[in-house]
């Protein structure tokens, strides 16, 4: 499945108890179809006292949200949007550049592919 949501994208939660929340993507867990969003879906983690952490206590951490429950934010409107892909081809018909495009037609980001060693 193509990467419609990537790290550092601004996204909006569209379903669940955190519906309407907006934040920056901290991590994408592609194997589990989940994303971590900054400041959204916070959970407490209880830490036992130890030599490394003599005080112990509770810390807040972001919990993952399923990727189907978030949408990238359209830079033109500031609202959640669906994403499509646009490929530019050269004269020989080879794909030169792929871009993620919002409904308004604004480019959200380019999709880059790592070059193979020796190519």
N, C-alpha and C. Protein backbone atom coordinates (compact mmCIF):
# COMPACT_ATOMS: atom_id res chain seq x y z
N UNK A 1 0.84 -1.18 0.00
CA UNK A 1 0.00 0.00 0.00
C UNK A 1 0.89 1.24 0.00
N UNK A 2 0.59 2.24 -0.81
CA UNK A 2 1.41 3.44 -0.85
C UNK A 2 1.34 4.21 0.46
N UNK A 3 2.35 4.99 0.72
CA UNK A 3 2.44 5.75 1.97
C UNK A 3 1.64 7.04 1.83
N UNK A 4 0.39 6.99 2.17
CA UNK A 4 -0.46 8.19 2.11
C UNK A 4 -0.17 9.11 3.29
N UNK A 5 0.28 8.53 4.40
CA UNK A 5 0.63 9.30 5.57
C UNK A 5 2.09 8.99 5.90
N UNK A 6 2.88 10.04 6.11
CA UNK A 6 4.31 9.87 6.38
C UNK A 6 4.69 10.64 7.64
N UNK A 7 5.87 10.34 8.14
CA UNK A 7 6.38 11.04 9.32
C UNK A 7 6.46 12.54 9.04
N UNK A 8 6.17 13.35 10.03
CA UNK A 8 6.18 14.82 9.99
C UNK A 8 5.00 15.43 9.24
N UNK A 9 4.04 14.63 8.76
CA UNK A 9 2.81 15.17 8.16
C UNK A 9 1.91 15.71 9.26
N UNK A 10 1.13 16.72 8.93
CA UNK A 10 0.08 17.18 9.83
C UNK A 10 -1.18 16.41 9.48
N UNK A 11 -1.82 15.79 10.49
CA UNK A 11 -2.99 14.96 10.25
C UNK A 11 -4.11 15.33 11.22
N UNK A 12 -5.33 14.93 10.84
CA UNK A 12 -6.50 15.14 11.66
C UNK A 12 -7.13 13.78 11.95
N UNK A 13 -7.54 13.57 13.21
CA UNK A 13 -8.20 12.33 13.59
C UNK A 13 -9.66 12.44 13.16
N UNK A 14 -10.16 11.42 12.42
CA UNK A 14 -11.51 11.49 11.87
C UNK A 14 -12.49 10.54 12.53
N UNK A 15 -12.00 9.69 13.46
CA UNK A 15 -12.90 8.74 14.12
C UNK A 15 -12.38 8.43 15.52
N UNK A 16 -13.27 8.00 16.38
CA UNK A 16 -12.88 7.60 17.73
C UNK A 16 -13.07 8.73 18.73
N UNK A 17 -12.61 8.48 19.95
CA UNK A 17 -12.82 9.44 21.04
C UNK A 17 -12.01 10.72 20.85
N UNK A 18 -10.97 10.69 20.05
CA UNK A 18 -10.12 11.87 19.80
C UNK A 18 -10.47 12.55 18.49
N UNK A 19 -11.68 12.32 17.97
CA UNK A 19 -12.10 12.87 16.69
C UNK A 19 -11.95 14.39 16.67
N UNK A 20 -11.36 14.91 15.59
CA UNK A 20 -11.17 16.35 15.44
C UNK A 20 -9.81 16.83 15.89
N UNK A 21 -9.06 16.01 16.62
CA UNK A 21 -7.74 16.42 17.09
C UNK A 21 -6.76 16.51 15.91
N UNK A 22 -5.85 17.47 15.99
CA UNK A 22 -4.88 17.70 14.94
C UNK A 22 -3.49 17.60 15.55
N UNK A 23 -2.57 16.96 14.83
CA UNK A 23 -1.21 16.85 15.33
C UNK A 23 -0.25 16.40 14.25
N UNK A 24 1.02 16.38 14.63
CA UNK A 24 2.10 16.00 13.72
C UNK A 24 2.41 14.52 13.92
N UNK A 25 2.63 13.80 12.83
CA UNK A 25 2.93 12.37 12.90
C UNK A 25 4.37 12.19 13.40
N UNK A 26 4.52 11.47 14.51
CA UNK A 26 5.84 11.19 15.07
C UNK A 26 6.45 9.94 14.47
N UNK A 27 5.60 8.93 14.22
CA UNK A 27 6.10 7.66 13.67
C UNK A 27 4.97 6.95 12.95
N UNK A 28 5.34 6.20 11.90
CA UNK A 28 4.38 5.37 11.17
C UNK A 28 4.83 3.93 11.33
N UNK A 29 3.92 3.09 11.86
CA UNK A 29 4.21 1.66 12.02
C UNK A 29 3.49 0.93 10.90
N UNK A 30 4.14 0.81 9.75
CA UNK A 30 3.52 0.27 8.55
C UNK A 30 3.11 -1.19 8.73
N UNK A 31 3.90 -1.96 9.48
CA UNK A 31 3.58 -3.38 9.66
C UNK A 31 2.32 -3.58 10.49
N UNK A 32 2.00 -2.62 11.35
CA UNK A 32 0.81 -2.72 12.20
C UNK A 32 -0.32 -1.78 11.75
N UNK A 33 -0.09 -1.00 10.70
CA UNK A 33 -1.06 -0.01 10.20
C UNK A 33 -1.46 0.99 11.27
N UNK A 34 -0.48 1.51 11.99
CA UNK A 34 -0.75 2.46 13.06
C UNK A 34 0.19 3.65 12.97
N UNK A 35 -0.23 4.79 13.55
CA UNK A 35 0.58 6.00 13.59
C UNK A 35 0.60 6.57 15.00
N UNK A 36 1.69 7.24 15.35
CA UNK A 36 1.80 7.99 16.59
C UNK A 36 1.65 9.46 16.25
N UNK A 37 0.74 10.15 16.95
CA UNK A 37 0.49 11.56 16.67
C UNK A 37 0.82 12.36 17.92
N UNK A 38 1.58 13.44 17.73
CA UNK A 38 2.04 14.26 18.84
C UNK A 38 0.86 14.88 19.61
N UNK A 39 0.79 14.61 20.91
CA UNK A 39 -0.23 15.20 21.77
C UNK A 39 -1.61 14.60 21.66
N UNK A 40 -1.77 13.50 20.93
CA UNK A 40 -3.09 12.88 20.74
C UNK A 40 -3.04 11.45 21.28
N UNK A 41 -4.12 11.02 21.93
CA UNK A 41 -4.25 9.67 22.47
C UNK A 41 -3.17 9.39 23.52
N UNK A 42 -3.08 10.31 24.50
CA UNK A 42 -2.06 10.19 25.55
C UNK A 42 -2.47 9.14 26.57
N UNK A 43 -1.52 8.35 27.03
CA UNK A 43 -1.72 7.33 28.04
C UNK A 43 -0.66 7.51 29.12
N UNK A 44 -0.99 7.09 30.34
CA UNK A 44 -0.03 7.13 31.44
C UNK A 44 0.71 5.82 31.53
N UNK A 45 2.01 5.92 31.76
CA UNK A 45 2.85 4.74 31.99
C UNK A 45 3.40 4.87 33.40
N UNK A 46 3.14 3.87 34.23
CA UNK A 46 3.58 3.90 35.62
C UNK A 46 4.98 3.31 35.72
N UNK A 47 5.89 4.06 36.32
CA UNK A 47 7.29 3.66 36.42
C UNK A 47 7.60 3.33 37.88
N UNK A 48 8.12 2.14 38.10
CA UNK A 48 8.50 1.71 39.44
C UNK A 48 9.82 2.38 39.83
N UNK A 49 10.00 2.64 41.12
CA UNK A 49 11.26 3.23 41.58
C UNK A 49 12.40 2.24 41.38
N UNK A 50 13.56 2.76 40.97
CA UNK A 50 14.74 1.93 40.77
C UNK A 50 15.96 2.82 40.95
N UNK A 51 17.13 2.25 40.82
CA UNK A 51 18.35 3.07 40.93
C UNK A 51 18.44 4.05 39.78
N UNK A 52 18.02 3.63 38.61
CA UNK A 52 18.06 4.51 37.45
C UNK A 52 17.02 5.61 37.56
N UNK A 53 15.86 5.32 38.16
CA UNK A 53 14.78 6.28 38.30
C UNK A 53 14.33 6.27 39.77
N UNK A 54 15.04 6.99 40.65
CA UNK A 54 14.77 6.89 42.09
C UNK A 54 13.41 7.44 42.51
N UNK A 55 12.83 8.34 41.74
CA UNK A 55 11.55 8.93 42.14
C UNK A 55 10.37 8.07 41.70
N UNK A 56 10.47 7.39 40.56
CA UNK A 56 9.33 6.63 40.04
C UNK A 56 8.25 7.58 39.56
N UNK A 57 7.01 7.12 39.50
CA UNK A 57 5.89 7.98 39.15
C UNK A 57 5.23 7.60 37.84
N UNK A 58 4.56 8.59 37.23
CA UNK A 58 3.83 8.36 35.98
C UNK A 58 4.37 9.28 34.90
N UNK A 59 4.46 8.75 33.69
CA UNK A 59 4.82 9.59 32.54
C UNK A 59 3.74 9.43 31.48
N UNK A 60 3.54 10.49 30.71
CA UNK A 60 2.55 10.45 29.63
C UNK A 60 3.24 10.12 28.32
N UNK A 61 2.64 9.20 27.56
CA UNK A 61 3.17 8.82 26.26
C UNK A 61 2.03 8.76 25.26
N UNK A 62 2.36 9.00 24.00
CA UNK A 62 1.36 8.86 22.94
C UNK A 62 1.16 7.38 22.64
N UNK A 63 -0.10 7.00 22.47
CA UNK A 63 -0.43 5.62 22.08
C UNK A 63 -0.77 5.64 20.59
N UNK A 64 -0.52 4.53 19.89
CA UNK A 64 -0.78 4.51 18.45
C UNK A 64 -2.27 4.52 18.12
N UNK A 65 -2.58 5.08 16.96
CA UNK A 65 -3.95 5.13 16.42
C UNK A 65 -3.92 4.42 15.07
N UNK A 66 -5.00 3.72 14.74
CA UNK A 66 -5.04 3.03 13.45
C UNK A 66 -4.99 4.05 12.32
N UNK A 67 -4.27 3.71 11.28
CA UNK A 67 -4.01 4.64 10.18
C UNK A 67 -5.29 5.02 9.42
N UNK A 68 -6.32 4.17 9.49
CA UNK A 68 -7.58 4.48 8.80
C UNK A 68 -8.37 5.56 9.52
N UNK A 69 -7.99 5.89 10.76
CA UNK A 69 -8.71 6.89 11.54
C UNK A 69 -8.10 8.28 11.45
N UNK A 70 -7.12 8.48 10.56
CA UNK A 70 -6.52 9.80 10.39
C UNK A 70 -6.47 10.17 8.90
N UNK A 71 -6.48 11.49 8.65
CA UNK A 71 -6.36 12.01 7.29
C UNK A 71 -5.33 13.12 7.28
N UNK A 72 -4.53 13.20 6.22
CA UNK A 72 -3.61 14.33 6.10
C UNK A 72 -4.38 15.64 5.97
N UNK A 73 -3.78 16.73 6.39
CA UNK A 73 -4.42 18.04 6.31
C UNK A 73 -4.03 18.70 4.99
N UNK A 74 -5.04 19.21 4.29
CA UNK A 74 -4.84 19.92 3.03
C UNK A 74 -4.21 21.28 3.34
N UNK A 75 -3.04 21.61 2.75
CA UNK A 75 -2.41 22.89 3.03
C UNK A 75 -3.24 24.10 2.60
N UNK A 76 -4.12 23.93 1.63
CA UNK A 76 -4.91 25.05 1.13
C UNK A 76 -6.09 25.37 2.05
N UNK A 77 -6.78 24.32 2.54
CA UNK A 77 -8.00 24.53 3.32
C UNK A 77 -7.81 24.36 4.82
N UNK A 78 -6.78 23.62 5.23
CA UNK A 78 -6.56 23.38 6.65
C UNK A 78 -7.46 22.29 7.21
N UNK A 79 -8.12 21.53 6.35
CA UNK A 79 -9.02 20.46 6.78
C UNK A 79 -8.47 19.12 6.28
N UNK A 80 -9.00 18.03 6.85
CA UNK A 80 -8.59 16.70 6.42
C UNK A 80 -8.97 16.45 4.97
N UNK A 81 -8.16 15.68 4.26
CA UNK A 81 -8.41 15.43 2.85
C UNK A 81 -7.95 14.04 2.47
N UNK A 82 -8.51 13.53 1.40
CA UNK A 82 -8.02 12.29 0.83
C UNK A 82 -6.84 12.61 -0.06
N UNK A 83 -5.97 11.62 -0.26
CA UNK A 83 -4.75 11.84 -1.01
C UNK A 83 -4.74 10.97 -2.26
N UNK A 84 -4.28 11.55 -3.36
CA UNK A 84 -4.07 10.77 -4.57
C UNK A 84 -2.62 10.96 -4.98
N UNK A 85 -2.16 10.13 -5.88
CA UNK A 85 -0.78 10.20 -6.33
C UNK A 85 -0.73 10.66 -7.77
N UNK A 86 0.25 11.51 -8.07
CA UNK A 86 0.44 12.03 -9.42
C UNK A 86 1.87 11.72 -9.82
N UNK A 87 2.04 11.13 -10.98
CA UNK A 87 3.37 10.77 -11.46
C UNK A 87 3.72 11.60 -12.68
N UNK A 88 4.91 12.18 -12.67
CA UNK A 88 5.41 12.90 -13.84
C UNK A 88 6.35 11.97 -14.59
N UNK A 89 6.19 11.94 -15.92
CA UNK A 89 7.00 11.05 -16.75
C UNK A 89 7.89 11.87 -17.66
N UNK A 90 9.02 11.25 -18.04
CA UNK A 90 9.93 11.92 -18.97
C UNK A 90 9.52 11.57 -20.41
N UNK A 91 10.33 11.96 -21.37
CA UNK A 91 10.01 11.74 -22.78
C UNK A 91 9.90 10.27 -23.15
N UNK A 92 10.63 9.40 -22.46
CA UNK A 92 10.59 7.97 -22.74
C UNK A 92 9.46 7.25 -22.00
N UNK A 93 8.72 7.97 -21.20
CA UNK A 93 7.60 7.36 -20.49
C UNK A 93 7.96 6.80 -19.13
N UNK A 94 9.17 7.04 -18.64
CA UNK A 94 9.58 6.56 -17.33
C UNK A 94 9.14 7.55 -16.26
N UNK A 95 8.75 7.03 -15.12
CA UNK A 95 8.31 7.89 -14.02
C UNK A 95 9.53 8.58 -13.42
N UNK A 96 9.49 9.90 -13.40
CA UNK A 96 10.59 10.70 -12.88
C UNK A 96 10.31 11.11 -11.44
N UNK A 97 9.08 11.51 -11.17
CA UNK A 97 8.75 12.05 -9.86
C UNK A 97 7.32 11.67 -9.51
N UNK A 98 7.11 11.26 -8.24
CA UNK A 98 5.76 11.00 -7.75
C UNK A 98 5.44 12.02 -6.67
N UNK A 99 4.21 12.50 -6.66
CA UNK A 99 3.80 13.48 -5.67
C UNK A 99 2.49 13.05 -5.03
N UNK A 100 2.35 13.39 -3.73
CA UNK A 100 1.07 13.20 -3.05
C UNK A 100 0.30 14.49 -3.21
N UNK A 101 -0.93 14.39 -3.71
CA UNK A 101 -1.72 15.58 -4.03
C UNK A 101 -3.04 15.52 -3.26
N UNK A 102 -3.42 16.65 -2.66
CA UNK A 102 -4.68 16.77 -1.91
C UNK A 102 -5.82 17.05 -2.88
N UNK A 103 -7.03 17.06 -2.36
CA UNK A 103 -8.21 17.33 -3.21
C UNK A 103 -8.15 18.69 -3.87
N UNK A 104 -7.58 19.68 -3.18
CA UNK A 104 -7.52 21.03 -3.73
C UNK A 104 -6.51 21.15 -4.87
N UNK A 105 -5.67 20.14 -5.06
CA UNK A 105 -4.65 20.17 -6.10
C UNK A 105 -3.29 20.57 -5.58
N UNK A 106 -3.21 20.94 -4.30
CA UNK A 106 -1.92 21.30 -3.70
C UNK A 106 -1.10 20.04 -3.45
N UNK A 107 0.20 20.15 -3.68
CA UNK A 107 1.11 19.02 -3.45
C UNK A 107 1.43 18.97 -1.96
N UNK A 108 1.20 17.81 -1.34
CA UNK A 108 1.50 17.63 0.07
C UNK A 108 2.97 17.27 0.24
N UNK A 109 3.48 16.41 -0.61
CA UNK A 109 4.89 16.03 -0.51
C UNK A 109 5.26 15.10 -1.64
N UNK A 110 6.55 15.04 -1.90
CA UNK A 110 7.02 14.14 -2.94
C UNK A 110 7.34 12.79 -2.35
N UNK A 111 7.12 11.74 -3.11
CA UNK A 111 7.45 10.39 -2.70
C UNK A 111 8.81 10.07 -3.27
N UNK A 112 9.78 9.87 -2.40
CA UNK A 112 11.13 9.58 -2.86
C UNK A 112 11.43 8.11 -2.65
N UNK A 113 12.21 7.58 -3.52
CA UNK A 113 12.60 6.17 -3.45
C UNK A 113 14.12 6.12 -3.37
N UNK A 114 14.63 5.29 -2.47
CA UNK A 114 16.08 5.17 -2.31
C UNK A 114 16.68 4.52 -3.55
N UNK A 115 17.80 5.05 -4.00
CA UNK A 115 18.49 4.48 -5.15
C UNK A 115 19.22 3.22 -4.74
N UNK A 116 19.27 2.25 -5.63
CA UNK A 116 19.99 1.01 -5.36
C UNK A 116 21.49 1.27 -5.46
N UNK A 117 22.24 0.55 -4.63
CA UNK A 117 23.70 0.69 -4.67
C UNK A 117 24.22 0.16 -6.01
N UNK A 118 25.09 0.90 -6.62
CA UNK A 118 25.66 0.48 -7.90
C UNK A 118 24.87 0.96 -9.10
N UNK A 119 23.77 1.66 -8.90
CA UNK A 119 22.96 2.15 -10.02
C UNK A 119 23.33 3.57 -10.38
